[in-house]
Protein backbone atom coordinates (compact mmCIF):
# COMPACT_ATOMS: atom_id res chain seq x y z
CA SER A 1 120.06 116.84 40.39
CA GLU A 2 119.58 119.77 42.76
CA LEU A 3 122.15 118.20 45.05
CA CYS A 4 124.85 118.64 42.41
CA GLY A 5 123.47 121.79 40.78
CA PRO A 6 125.63 124.52 39.26
CA LYS A 7 125.43 126.89 42.26
CA PRO A 8 125.71 124.94 45.52
CA SER A 9 126.85 126.72 48.65
CA PRO A 10 130.51 125.97 49.52
CA LEU A 11 129.48 124.08 52.66
CA ALA A 12 126.89 122.00 50.80
CA TYR A 13 129.34 121.18 48.02
CA THR A 14 132.05 120.02 50.42
CA LYS A 15 129.51 117.87 52.23
CA ASN A 16 128.26 116.29 48.98
CA GLU A 17 131.35 116.18 46.77
CA HIS A 18 131.69 112.41 47.25
CA ILE A 19 128.30 112.19 45.50
CA CYS A 20 128.76 114.99 42.93
CA GLY A 21 132.44 114.42 42.22
CA ARG A 22 135.55 116.55 42.38
CA PRO A 23 136.98 117.01 38.87
CA LEU A 24 140.58 118.19 39.13
CA GLY A 25 142.00 117.57 35.66
CA LEU A 26 140.40 118.09 32.24
CA ARG A 27 141.86 117.44 28.78
CA PHE A 28 140.41 117.20 25.29
CA ASP A 29 141.62 114.54 22.91
CA LYS A 30 142.28 116.72 19.87
CA LYS A 31 141.71 113.85 17.43
CA THR A 32 138.40 112.53 18.78
CA GLY A 33 136.93 115.53 20.61
CA ASP A 34 136.47 113.42 23.75
CA LEU A 35 136.78 115.22 27.08
CA TYR A 36 138.72 113.24 29.69
CA ILE A 37 138.17 113.99 33.37
CA ALA A 38 140.39 113.13 36.34
CA ASP A 39 138.04 113.08 39.33
CA ALA A 40 139.22 112.63 42.92
CA TYR A 41 136.24 110.40 43.74
CA PHE A 42 135.31 108.73 40.44
CA GLY A 43 138.71 108.14 38.83
CA LEU A 44 139.21 108.61 35.10
CA MET A 45 136.08 109.41 33.09
CA LYS A 46 135.19 110.52 29.56
CA VAL A 47 132.48 112.56 27.84
CA GLY A 48 132.12 112.13 24.09
CA PRO A 49 131.97 115.07 21.66
CA GLU A 50 128.17 114.80 21.60
CA GLY A 51 128.03 115.63 25.35
CA GLY A 52 126.00 113.81 27.97
CA LEU A 53 127.00 112.19 31.22
CA ALA A 54 130.60 111.21 31.91
CA LYS A 55 131.33 107.51 31.53
CA PRO A 56 133.75 105.85 33.97
CA LEU A 57 136.91 104.44 32.37
CA VAL A 58 139.22 103.52 35.27
CA LYS A 59 138.29 103.20 38.95
CA GLU A 60 141.10 100.89 40.05
CA VAL A 61 144.52 99.67 38.95
CA GLU A 62 145.59 96.07 39.66
CA GLY A 63 142.71 95.72 42.12
CA VAL A 64 143.62 98.87 44.08
CA PRO A 65 140.95 101.60 44.00
CA LEU A 66 142.01 105.04 42.81
CA MET A 67 141.75 107.46 45.73
CA PHE A 68 142.82 110.89 44.46
CA THR A 69 142.93 111.01 40.67
CA ASN A 70 144.04 114.58 40.10
CA ASP A 71 145.37 115.19 36.60
CA LEU A 72 145.92 113.68 33.18
CA ASP A 73 147.50 114.21 29.80
CA ILE A 74 146.97 112.75 26.34
CA ASP A 75 149.85 112.19 23.94
CA ASP A 76 149.78 112.58 20.16
CA ASP A 77 148.89 108.89 19.73
CA GLY A 78 145.86 109.18 22.05
CA ALA A 79 147.40 107.38 25.04
CA VAL A 80 146.07 108.78 28.31
CA TYR A 81 148.37 109.24 31.31
CA PHE A 82 146.94 110.14 34.70
CA THR A 83 148.10 110.63 38.27
CA ASP A 84 146.59 109.32 41.47
CA SER A 85 148.40 111.10 44.27
CA SER A 86 147.14 109.21 47.33
CA SER A 87 146.21 105.69 48.29
CA VAL A 88 144.53 106.94 51.48
CA PHE A 89 142.92 110.39 51.10
CA GLN A 90 140.40 111.85 48.65
CA ARG A 91 140.80 115.46 49.83
């Protein structure tokens, strides 16, 4: 959408990032070609090698919403590890 376009003004982006997302960590799974995204607002997401929209994978852990998912890594077996550095703030 225009709201989340590729060239928003800095003020508009900050105002709308809860809608557009704030991707902070990106990693490719070398075996599958999937792109994993750690997003401060949307948690852990994935885009397949064919592209398209990101699909949510994890938004909460043990009933607690993720609040600042900021990075991830993928080991040689394909296990994904991610960090969520706040239970209060998304910025």
